N, C-alpha and C. Protein backbone atom coordinates (compact mmCIF):
# COMPACT_ATOMS: atom_id res chain seq x y z
N MET A 1 29.73 36.99 -11.30
CA MET A 1 31.16 36.95 -11.52
C MET A 1 31.43 36.88 -13.03
N ALA A 2 32.29 37.73 -13.51
CA ALA A 2 32.63 37.77 -14.93
C ALA A 2 33.52 36.59 -15.30
N PHE A 3 33.38 36.14 -16.53
CA PHE A 3 34.21 35.04 -17.01
C PHE A 3 34.95 35.48 -18.25
N LYS A 4 36.28 35.36 -18.22
CA LYS A 4 37.13 35.66 -19.38
C LYS A 4 38.22 34.62 -19.44
N GLN A 5 38.58 34.27 -20.68
CA GLN A 5 39.70 33.34 -20.85
C GLN A 5 40.28 33.56 -22.25
N ASP A 6 41.59 33.45 -22.35
CA ASP A 6 42.27 33.52 -23.64
C ASP A 6 42.43 32.11 -24.20
N LEU A 7 42.15 31.98 -25.51
CA LEU A 7 42.28 30.68 -26.18
C LEU A 7 42.82 30.89 -27.58
N PRO A 8 43.61 29.96 -28.11
CA PRO A 8 43.95 30.00 -29.53
C PRO A 8 42.68 29.74 -30.34
N CYS A 9 42.56 30.40 -31.46
CA CYS A 9 41.34 30.36 -32.27
C CYS A 9 41.65 29.80 -33.66
N PHE A 10 40.79 28.91 -34.11
CA PHE A 10 40.91 28.34 -35.45
C PHE A 10 39.55 28.33 -36.11
N SER A 11 39.52 28.44 -37.44
CA SER A 11 38.27 28.36 -38.17
C SER A 11 37.81 26.91 -38.22
N PHE A 12 36.60 26.72 -38.72
CA PHE A 12 36.07 25.36 -38.83
C PHE A 12 36.83 24.53 -39.87
N THR A 13 37.55 25.18 -40.77
CA THR A 13 38.37 24.47 -41.74
C THR A 13 39.41 23.62 -41.04
N CYS A 14 39.88 24.09 -39.89
CA CYS A 14 40.90 23.38 -39.11
C CYS A 14 40.28 22.43 -38.08
N SER A 15 38.99 22.26 -38.13
CA SER A 15 38.28 21.47 -37.13
C SER A 15 38.21 19.99 -37.53
N ALA A 16 38.22 19.12 -36.53
CA ALA A 16 38.03 17.69 -36.77
C ALA A 16 36.55 17.31 -36.62
N GLN A 17 35.68 18.32 -36.48
CA GLN A 17 34.25 18.07 -36.37
C GLN A 17 33.71 17.52 -37.68
N SER A 18 32.50 17.01 -37.66
CA SER A 18 31.89 16.44 -38.87
C SER A 18 31.71 17.52 -39.94
N ASP A 19 31.78 17.10 -41.20
CA ASP A 19 31.56 18.03 -42.30
C ASP A 19 30.19 18.68 -42.22
N GLU A 20 29.19 17.92 -41.81
CA GLU A 20 27.83 18.44 -41.70
C GLU A 20 27.77 19.61 -40.72
N LEU A 21 28.40 19.43 -39.55
CA LEU A 21 28.40 20.50 -38.54
C LEU A 21 29.18 21.71 -39.03
N THR A 22 30.36 21.50 -39.58
CA THR A 22 31.18 22.64 -40.00
C THR A 22 30.55 23.40 -41.16
N LYS A 23 29.89 22.71 -42.08
CA LYS A 23 29.19 23.39 -43.17
C LYS A 23 28.03 24.22 -42.64
N ARG A 24 27.31 23.67 -41.64
CA ARG A 24 26.16 24.38 -41.09
C ARG A 24 26.58 25.63 -40.32
N LEU A 25 27.74 25.56 -39.66
CA LEU A 25 28.18 26.69 -38.85
C LEU A 25 29.01 27.71 -39.62
N LYS A 26 29.41 27.38 -40.82
CA LYS A 26 30.27 28.25 -41.62
C LYS A 26 29.68 29.65 -41.80
N TYR A 27 28.38 29.73 -42.04
CA TYR A 27 27.69 31.01 -42.23
C TYR A 27 26.80 31.28 -41.03
N SER A 28 27.42 31.41 -39.87
CA SER A 28 26.68 31.67 -38.64
C SER A 28 27.56 32.51 -37.73
N ASN A 29 27.05 32.78 -36.53
CA ASN A 29 27.93 33.37 -35.52
C ASN A 29 27.95 32.47 -34.29
N LYS A 30 27.96 31.17 -34.58
CA LYS A 30 28.05 30.17 -33.52
C LYS A 30 29.46 29.60 -33.47
N ILE A 31 29.92 29.41 -32.24
CA ILE A 31 31.28 28.95 -32.02
C ILE A 31 31.27 27.62 -31.27
N LEU A 32 32.41 26.96 -31.31
CA LEU A 32 32.63 25.75 -30.52
C LEU A 32 33.70 26.06 -29.48
N LEU A 33 33.41 25.74 -28.24
CA LEU A 33 34.35 25.95 -27.15
C LEU A 33 34.70 24.61 -26.52
N PRO A 34 35.85 24.53 -25.84
CA PRO A 34 36.21 23.26 -25.19
C PRO A 34 35.32 23.01 -23.96
N PRO A 35 35.13 21.75 -23.60
CA PRO A 35 34.31 21.42 -22.42
C PRO A 35 34.81 22.07 -21.13
N SER A 36 36.10 22.36 -21.05
CA SER A 36 36.65 22.96 -19.83
C SER A 36 35.99 24.31 -19.51
N ILE A 37 35.58 25.05 -20.53
CA ILE A 37 34.90 26.35 -20.31
C ILE A 37 33.58 26.11 -19.57
N LEU A 38 32.83 25.11 -20.02
CA LEU A 38 31.55 24.80 -19.37
C LEU A 38 31.77 24.37 -17.92
N TYR A 39 32.80 23.57 -17.68
CA TYR A 39 33.09 23.14 -16.31
C TYR A 39 33.46 24.33 -15.43
N LYS A 40 34.26 25.25 -15.95
CA LYS A 40 34.65 26.43 -15.16
C LYS A 40 33.43 27.30 -14.86
N LEU A 41 32.55 27.46 -15.86
CA LEU A 41 31.34 28.25 -15.63
C LEU A 41 30.44 27.59 -14.59
N ASN A 42 30.34 26.27 -14.64
CA ASN A 42 29.54 25.55 -13.64
C ASN A 42 30.09 25.73 -12.24
N GLU A 43 31.40 25.80 -12.12
CA GLU A 43 32.02 26.01 -10.81
C GLU A 43 31.73 27.42 -10.28
N GLN A 44 31.71 28.40 -11.19
CA GLN A 44 31.52 29.79 -10.79
C GLN A 44 30.08 30.13 -10.45
N GLN A 45 29.15 29.54 -11.15
CA GLN A 45 27.76 29.92 -10.98
C GLN A 45 26.86 28.72 -11.24
N ASN A 46 25.65 28.82 -10.78
CA ASN A 46 24.68 27.76 -10.99
C ASN A 46 24.08 27.93 -12.38
N LEU A 47 24.47 27.08 -13.32
CA LEU A 47 23.99 27.21 -14.69
C LEU A 47 22.76 26.35 -14.93
N ASN A 48 21.84 26.88 -15.69
CA ASN A 48 20.68 26.13 -16.14
C ASN A 48 21.08 25.48 -17.46
N ASP A 49 20.96 24.16 -17.56
CA ASP A 49 21.38 23.45 -18.77
C ASP A 49 20.68 23.95 -20.03
N ASP A 50 19.46 24.50 -19.88
CA ASP A 50 18.72 24.98 -21.04
C ASP A 50 19.08 26.40 -21.44
N SER A 51 19.87 27.07 -20.62
CA SER A 51 20.17 28.48 -20.92
C SER A 51 21.12 28.58 -22.11
N ILE A 52 20.89 29.56 -22.93
CA ILE A 52 21.74 29.82 -24.09
C ILE A 52 22.85 30.74 -23.62
N MET A 53 24.07 30.41 -24.00
CA MET A 53 25.20 31.22 -23.58
C MET A 53 25.78 31.98 -24.75
N PHE A 54 26.21 33.20 -24.46
CA PHE A 54 26.81 34.06 -25.46
C PHE A 54 28.18 34.50 -24.98
N PHE A 55 29.12 34.57 -25.93
CA PHE A 55 30.48 34.97 -25.60
C PHE A 55 30.96 35.99 -26.63
N LYS A 56 31.67 36.99 -26.14
CA LYS A 56 32.32 37.95 -27.02
C LYS A 56 33.70 37.39 -27.35
N VAL A 57 33.97 37.26 -28.66
CA VAL A 57 35.25 36.78 -29.14
C VAL A 57 36.02 38.02 -29.59
N SER A 58 37.13 38.32 -28.92
CA SER A 58 37.82 39.59 -29.16
C SER A 58 39.27 39.42 -29.59
N ASN A 59 39.66 40.30 -30.51
CA ASN A 59 41.05 40.49 -30.88
C ASN A 59 41.63 41.37 -29.78
N LYS A 60 42.53 40.83 -28.98
CA LYS A 60 43.05 41.57 -27.82
C LYS A 60 43.87 42.78 -28.23
N GLU A 61 44.59 42.68 -29.34
CA GLU A 61 45.43 43.80 -29.78
C GLU A 61 44.58 44.98 -30.24
N MET A 62 43.52 44.71 -30.98
CA MET A 62 42.66 45.78 -31.50
C MET A 62 41.55 46.15 -30.52
N GLN A 63 41.38 45.34 -29.48
CA GLN A 63 40.30 45.53 -28.51
C GLN A 63 38.96 45.65 -29.21
N PHE A 64 38.73 44.70 -30.14
CA PHE A 64 37.48 44.66 -30.89
C PHE A 64 37.00 43.22 -30.96
N GLY A 65 35.70 43.02 -30.77
CA GLY A 65 35.17 41.67 -30.81
C GLY A 65 33.75 41.61 -31.28
N ILE A 66 33.26 40.40 -31.46
CA ILE A 66 31.89 40.13 -31.91
C ILE A 66 31.27 39.13 -30.94
N VAL A 67 30.03 39.39 -30.56
CA VAL A 67 29.31 38.49 -29.67
C VAL A 67 28.75 37.33 -30.49
N CYS A 68 28.98 36.12 -29.99
CA CYS A 68 28.57 34.90 -30.69
C CYS A 68 27.79 33.98 -29.75
N GLY A 69 27.03 33.09 -30.34
CA GLY A 69 26.37 32.03 -29.58
C GLY A 69 27.27 30.81 -29.57
N VAL A 70 27.05 29.92 -28.63
CA VAL A 70 27.81 28.68 -28.56
C VAL A 70 26.96 27.57 -29.15
N GLN A 71 27.49 26.88 -30.15
CA GLN A 71 26.79 25.72 -30.70
C GLN A 71 26.90 24.56 -29.72
N GLU A 72 28.13 24.30 -29.29
CA GLU A 72 28.35 23.23 -28.31
C GLU A 72 29.75 23.35 -27.73
N PHE A 73 29.96 22.63 -26.65
CA PHE A 73 31.25 22.62 -25.98
C PHE A 73 31.99 21.34 -26.39
N SER A 74 32.41 21.29 -27.65
CA SER A 74 33.03 20.08 -28.19
C SER A 74 34.36 20.35 -28.90
N ALA A 75 34.89 21.55 -28.75
CA ALA A 75 36.19 21.85 -29.36
C ALA A 75 37.28 21.09 -28.60
N PRO A 76 38.39 20.81 -29.26
CA PRO A 76 39.49 20.14 -28.56
C PRO A 76 39.97 20.97 -27.36
N PRO A 77 40.56 20.32 -26.38
CA PRO A 77 41.02 21.03 -25.18
C PRO A 77 41.91 22.24 -25.52
N GLY A 78 41.58 23.36 -24.90
CA GLY A 78 42.43 24.54 -25.00
C GLY A 78 42.30 25.38 -26.25
N ILE A 79 41.33 25.08 -27.15
CA ILE A 79 41.16 25.93 -28.34
C ILE A 79 39.67 26.20 -28.58
N CYS A 80 39.41 27.19 -29.42
CA CYS A 80 38.03 27.45 -29.84
C CYS A 80 37.98 27.47 -31.36
N HIS A 81 36.81 27.12 -31.89
CA HIS A 81 36.56 27.18 -33.32
C HIS A 81 35.52 28.26 -33.59
N VAL A 82 35.84 29.14 -34.55
CA VAL A 82 35.02 30.30 -34.88
C VAL A 82 34.87 30.36 -36.39
N PRO A 83 33.68 30.74 -36.90
CA PRO A 83 33.56 30.89 -38.36
C PRO A 83 34.62 31.84 -38.91
N TYR A 84 35.15 31.50 -40.08
CA TYR A 84 36.22 32.29 -40.68
C TYR A 84 35.81 33.75 -40.89
N HIS A 85 34.56 34.00 -41.29
CA HIS A 85 34.14 35.38 -41.54
C HIS A 85 34.21 36.22 -40.27
N ILE A 86 34.00 35.62 -39.13
CA ILE A 86 34.12 36.36 -37.86
C ILE A 86 35.59 36.62 -37.54
N MET A 87 36.44 35.61 -37.78
CA MET A 87 37.87 35.81 -37.58
C MET A 87 38.36 36.96 -38.46
N ASN A 88 37.92 36.97 -39.70
CA ASN A 88 38.29 38.03 -40.64
C ASN A 88 37.80 39.39 -40.15
N ASN A 89 36.55 39.46 -39.66
CA ASN A 89 35.98 40.73 -39.19
C ASN A 89 36.72 41.31 -37.99
N ILE A 90 37.23 40.44 -37.13
CA ILE A 90 37.94 40.97 -35.95
C ILE A 90 39.45 41.01 -36.17
N GLY A 91 39.89 40.63 -37.36
CA GLY A 91 41.30 40.80 -37.73
C GLY A 91 42.26 39.81 -37.11
N ILE A 92 41.86 38.53 -37.05
CA ILE A 92 42.77 37.52 -36.52
C ILE A 92 43.00 36.42 -37.55
N GLU A 93 44.11 35.72 -37.39
CA GLU A 93 44.47 34.62 -38.28
C GLU A 93 44.38 33.30 -37.53
N GLU A 94 44.45 32.21 -38.28
CA GLU A 94 44.43 30.87 -37.69
C GLU A 94 45.50 30.78 -36.59
N GLY A 95 45.09 30.31 -35.42
CA GLY A 95 46.02 30.12 -34.32
C GLY A 95 46.23 31.32 -33.43
N SER A 96 45.66 32.49 -33.82
CA SER A 96 45.80 33.67 -32.98
C SER A 96 45.06 33.47 -31.66
N SER A 97 45.56 34.12 -30.64
CA SER A 97 44.91 34.07 -29.34
C SER A 97 43.79 35.10 -29.30
N VAL A 98 42.62 34.66 -28.82
CA VAL A 98 41.48 35.57 -28.66
C VAL A 98 41.04 35.54 -27.21
N GLU A 99 40.35 36.59 -26.81
CA GLU A 99 39.76 36.62 -25.48
C GLU A 99 38.30 36.21 -25.61
N ILE A 100 37.90 35.24 -24.81
CA ILE A 100 36.52 34.77 -24.76
C ILE A 100 35.91 35.31 -23.48
N GLU A 101 34.85 36.10 -23.60
CA GLU A 101 34.21 36.70 -22.43
C GLU A 101 32.71 36.40 -22.46
N LYS A 102 32.20 35.85 -21.38
CA LYS A 102 30.76 35.55 -21.29
C LYS A 102 30.00 36.87 -21.17
N VAL A 103 28.95 37.02 -21.98
CA VAL A 103 28.11 38.22 -21.94
C VAL A 103 26.64 37.80 -21.89
N CYS A 104 25.80 38.71 -21.48
CA CYS A 104 24.36 38.45 -21.37
C CYS A 104 23.58 39.54 -22.09
N PRO A 105 23.40 39.41 -23.42
CA PRO A 105 22.64 40.44 -24.15
C PRO A 105 21.16 40.41 -23.78
N VAL A 106 20.51 41.55 -23.94
CA VAL A 106 19.08 41.66 -23.66
C VAL A 106 18.27 41.07 -24.81
N GLN A 107 17.02 40.74 -24.54
CA GLN A 107 16.11 40.24 -25.58
C GLN A 107 15.81 41.39 -26.55
N GLY A 108 15.92 41.10 -27.82
CA GLY A 108 15.67 42.11 -28.83
C GLY A 108 14.20 42.38 -29.05
N GLN A 109 13.91 43.60 -29.48
CA GLN A 109 12.54 44.00 -29.81
C GLN A 109 12.44 44.50 -31.24
N TYR A 110 13.57 45.01 -31.79
CA TYR A 110 13.52 45.65 -33.10
C TYR A 110 14.88 45.55 -33.79
N MET A 111 14.83 45.35 -35.12
CA MET A 111 16.04 45.39 -35.94
C MET A 111 15.73 46.10 -37.26
N LYS A 112 16.66 46.91 -37.69
CA LYS A 112 16.59 47.50 -39.03
C LYS A 112 17.76 46.91 -39.81
N LEU A 113 17.44 46.32 -40.95
CA LEU A 113 18.42 45.60 -41.75
C LEU A 113 18.59 46.23 -43.12
N ARG A 114 19.81 46.14 -43.65
CA ARG A 114 20.09 46.64 -44.99
C ARG A 114 20.80 45.55 -45.79
N PRO A 115 20.07 44.86 -46.69
CA PRO A 115 20.75 43.89 -47.55
C PRO A 115 21.71 44.62 -48.48
N HIS A 116 22.80 43.97 -48.85
CA HIS A 116 23.76 44.58 -49.76
C HIS A 116 23.24 44.63 -51.18
N LYS A 117 22.32 43.71 -51.53
CA LYS A 117 21.77 43.67 -52.89
C LYS A 117 20.26 43.57 -52.84
N THR A 118 19.60 44.12 -53.87
CA THR A 118 18.13 44.06 -53.94
C THR A 118 17.63 42.63 -54.16
N GLU A 119 18.49 41.74 -54.59
CA GLU A 119 18.11 40.35 -54.82
C GLU A 119 17.44 39.74 -53.59
N PHE A 120 17.93 40.08 -52.39
CA PHE A 120 17.34 39.54 -51.17
C PHE A 120 15.92 40.06 -50.96
N ILE A 121 15.72 41.34 -51.14
CA ILE A 121 14.39 41.95 -50.96
C ILE A 121 13.40 41.38 -51.97
N ASN A 122 13.89 40.99 -53.15
CA ASN A 122 13.03 40.48 -54.21
C ASN A 122 12.64 39.01 -54.05
N LEU A 123 13.14 38.36 -53.00
CA LEU A 123 12.70 36.99 -52.73
C LEU A 123 11.20 37.01 -52.45
N SER A 124 10.52 35.89 -52.66
CA SER A 124 9.07 35.87 -52.51
C SER A 124 8.62 36.27 -51.10
N ASN A 125 9.37 35.90 -50.06
CA ASN A 125 9.03 36.30 -48.69
C ASN A 125 10.32 36.49 -47.90
N PRO A 126 10.99 37.64 -48.08
CA PRO A 126 12.30 37.82 -47.43
C PRO A 126 12.25 37.74 -45.90
N LYS A 127 11.16 38.18 -45.29
CA LYS A 127 11.08 38.12 -43.82
C LYS A 127 11.04 36.69 -43.33
N ALA A 128 10.32 35.82 -44.04
CA ALA A 128 10.25 34.41 -43.65
C ALA A 128 11.61 33.74 -43.83
N VAL A 129 12.30 34.05 -44.92
CA VAL A 129 13.64 33.51 -45.17
C VAL A 129 14.58 33.97 -44.06
N LEU A 130 14.52 35.25 -43.75
CA LEU A 130 15.36 35.83 -42.71
C LEU A 130 15.11 35.16 -41.36
N GLU A 131 13.85 34.99 -41.01
CA GLU A 131 13.50 34.38 -39.73
C GLU A 131 14.01 32.94 -39.65
N LYS A 132 13.83 32.20 -40.73
CA LYS A 132 14.26 30.79 -40.76
C LYS A 132 15.78 30.68 -40.57
N ILE A 133 16.52 31.47 -41.31
CA ILE A 133 17.98 31.38 -41.28
C ILE A 133 18.53 31.95 -39.97
N MET A 134 18.04 33.11 -39.58
CA MET A 134 18.60 33.75 -38.38
C MET A 134 18.29 32.95 -37.11
N SER A 135 17.12 32.34 -37.04
CA SER A 135 16.78 31.57 -35.83
C SER A 135 17.73 30.39 -35.65
N LEU A 136 18.27 29.87 -36.74
CA LEU A 136 19.23 28.76 -36.65
C LEU A 136 20.67 29.23 -36.50
N ASP A 137 21.03 30.29 -37.22
CA ASP A 137 22.44 30.65 -37.36
C ASP A 137 22.90 31.89 -36.60
N TYR A 138 22.01 32.77 -36.24
CA TYR A 138 22.40 34.02 -35.59
C TYR A 138 21.54 34.28 -34.35
N PRO A 139 21.85 33.63 -33.23
CA PRO A 139 21.04 33.83 -32.02
C PRO A 139 21.25 35.20 -31.37
N VAL A 140 22.30 35.90 -31.79
CA VAL A 140 22.62 37.21 -31.23
C VAL A 140 23.15 38.08 -32.37
N VAL A 141 22.78 39.36 -32.36
CA VAL A 141 23.28 40.29 -33.37
C VAL A 141 23.69 41.59 -32.71
N SER A 142 24.59 42.30 -33.40
CA SER A 142 25.10 43.58 -32.90
C SER A 142 24.86 44.66 -33.94
N GLN A 143 24.44 45.81 -33.47
CA GLN A 143 24.27 46.97 -34.35
C GLN A 143 25.61 47.29 -35.00
N GLY A 144 25.59 47.51 -36.32
CA GLY A 144 26.80 47.82 -37.05
C GLY A 144 27.48 46.60 -37.65
N GLN A 145 27.02 45.43 -37.30
CA GLN A 145 27.60 44.17 -37.78
C GLN A 145 27.05 43.84 -39.17
N THR A 146 27.85 43.17 -39.99
CA THR A 146 27.39 42.62 -41.25
C THR A 146 27.35 41.10 -41.09
N ILE A 147 26.19 40.52 -41.37
CA ILE A 147 26.06 39.07 -41.26
C ILE A 147 25.97 38.48 -42.66
N GLU A 148 26.34 37.22 -42.77
CA GLU A 148 26.31 36.52 -44.04
C GLU A 148 25.32 35.36 -43.92
N LEU A 149 24.18 35.49 -44.62
CA LEU A 149 23.16 34.46 -44.57
C LEU A 149 23.34 33.51 -45.75
N TYR A 150 23.24 32.23 -45.47
CA TYR A 150 23.29 31.24 -46.54
C TYR A 150 21.90 30.66 -46.70
N TYR A 151 21.30 30.92 -47.88
CA TYR A 151 19.96 30.42 -48.19
C TYR A 151 20.12 29.13 -48.99
N LYS A 152 20.02 28.02 -48.28
CA LYS A 152 20.29 26.71 -48.86
C LYS A 152 19.37 26.39 -50.05
N ASP A 153 18.10 26.80 -49.98
CA ASP A 153 17.14 26.48 -51.05
C ASP A 153 17.59 27.00 -52.41
N LEU A 154 18.25 28.15 -52.42
CA LEU A 154 18.73 28.74 -53.68
C LEU A 154 20.25 28.64 -53.83
N ASP A 155 20.91 28.07 -52.82
CA ASP A 155 22.37 27.99 -52.79
C ASP A 155 22.99 29.38 -53.01
N ARG A 156 22.48 30.35 -52.24
CA ARG A 156 22.95 31.73 -52.35
C ARG A 156 23.34 32.26 -50.97
N ARG A 157 24.31 33.17 -51.00
CA ARG A 157 24.72 33.88 -49.78
C ARG A 157 24.31 35.34 -49.92
N TYR A 158 23.85 35.91 -48.81
CA TYR A 158 23.44 37.30 -48.80
C TYR A 158 24.12 38.02 -47.64
N LEU A 159 24.72 39.15 -47.93
CA LEU A 159 25.31 40.00 -46.89
C LEU A 159 24.26 41.01 -46.46
N ILE A 160 24.09 41.13 -45.14
CA ILE A 160 23.07 42.02 -44.59
C ILE A 160 23.67 42.79 -43.44
N ASP A 161 23.54 44.11 -43.49
CA ASP A 161 24.02 44.98 -42.41
C ASP A 161 22.94 45.09 -41.34
N ILE A 162 23.35 45.00 -40.09
CA ILE A 162 22.45 45.25 -38.96
C ILE A 162 22.58 46.76 -38.69
N VAL A 163 21.64 47.53 -39.19
CA VAL A 163 21.71 48.99 -39.12
C VAL A 163 21.34 49.51 -37.73
N GLU A 164 20.31 48.91 -37.15
CA GLU A 164 19.82 49.39 -35.86
C GLU A 164 19.24 48.22 -35.08
N THR A 165 19.46 48.21 -33.76
CA THR A 165 18.86 47.22 -32.87
C THR A 165 18.33 47.93 -31.65
N ASN A 166 17.24 47.42 -31.12
CA ASN A 166 16.66 47.97 -29.88
C ASN A 166 16.20 46.81 -29.02
N PRO A 167 16.32 46.92 -27.73
CA PRO A 167 16.59 48.09 -26.92
C PRO A 167 18.07 48.36 -26.63
N ALA A 168 18.98 47.57 -27.21
CA ALA A 168 20.41 47.77 -26.95
C ALA A 168 21.20 47.53 -28.23
N ALA A 169 22.49 47.80 -28.20
CA ALA A 169 23.34 47.63 -29.38
C ALA A 169 23.63 46.16 -29.67
N ILE A 170 23.52 45.30 -28.66
CA ILE A 170 23.68 43.85 -28.84
C ILE A 170 22.42 43.20 -28.28
N ILE A 171 21.75 42.40 -29.12
CA ILE A 171 20.50 41.79 -28.69
C ILE A 171 20.47 40.29 -29.00
N SER A 172 19.79 39.57 -28.14
CA SER A 172 19.50 38.16 -28.38
C SER A 172 18.20 38.10 -29.18
N ILE A 173 18.15 37.22 -30.16
CA ILE A 173 16.91 37.09 -30.94
C ILE A 173 16.26 35.72 -30.72
N VAL A 174 16.70 35.02 -29.68
CA VAL A 174 16.18 33.70 -29.36
C VAL A 174 14.86 33.81 -28.60
N ASN A 175 13.87 33.06 -29.04
CA ASN A 175 12.57 32.98 -28.38
C ASN A 175 11.94 34.35 -28.13
N THR A 176 11.96 35.18 -29.15
CA THR A 176 11.35 36.50 -29.02
C THR A 176 10.79 36.95 -30.36
N ASP A 177 9.75 37.76 -30.31
CA ASP A 177 9.20 38.35 -31.53
C ASP A 177 9.87 39.70 -31.74
N ILE A 178 10.50 39.84 -32.90
CA ILE A 178 11.23 41.08 -33.20
C ILE A 178 10.59 41.75 -34.39
N ASN A 179 10.35 43.04 -34.27
CA ASN A 179 9.89 43.84 -35.40
C ASN A 179 11.08 44.12 -36.30
N ILE A 180 10.89 43.91 -37.61
CA ILE A 180 11.99 44.09 -38.56
C ILE A 180 11.58 45.07 -39.64
N ASP A 181 12.47 46.00 -39.92
CA ASP A 181 12.33 46.92 -41.05
C ASP A 181 13.52 46.73 -41.95
N PHE A 182 13.31 46.95 -43.25
CA PHE A 182 14.40 46.88 -44.21
C PHE A 182 14.73 48.27 -44.70
N ASP A 183 16.01 48.58 -44.75
CA ASP A 183 16.52 49.81 -45.34
C ASP A 183 16.81 49.52 -46.82
N GLN A 184 16.93 50.55 -47.62
CA GLN A 184 17.24 50.37 -49.03
C GLN A 184 18.61 49.72 -49.19
N PRO A 185 18.73 48.70 -50.07
CA PRO A 185 20.04 48.07 -50.30
C PRO A 185 21.05 49.07 -50.83
């Protein structure tokens, strides 16, 4: 059974969550949903507590959205919190209504990435940096998406295009070995 619900959307700047949590999620594609979503999903289907859930957050007017992971179900009743860069990418403002739809992406096998600057490629081990950051902040990626990685060790942000994904256009990268190639910046 498909799950969809409309909710007002706010960035983490408008969140009452801890500064530590909001700073960590600022450069990710993880969202906070209200506990009521989890309860509704439990009523509809038998959920495994360990299963990772993914939701497409969509601008209903433009019919465009981005698939995100859920950090936790701790948003205030009736709203969702989404990183500002995702709100910007789908063309919504603070308080806009978005459609939240549960999706089940396939396990990824391959990604081709294009950093916006050669600075990322010139890191001592860019694949290790990428793996460390993406495993925490980007559990799901979409072909054609630009992600923003925050490398805390250097206090730097890197924009990276997801040029190609296999076996599908949207893939989960959780608990899987993915082959990665880099395109020229």
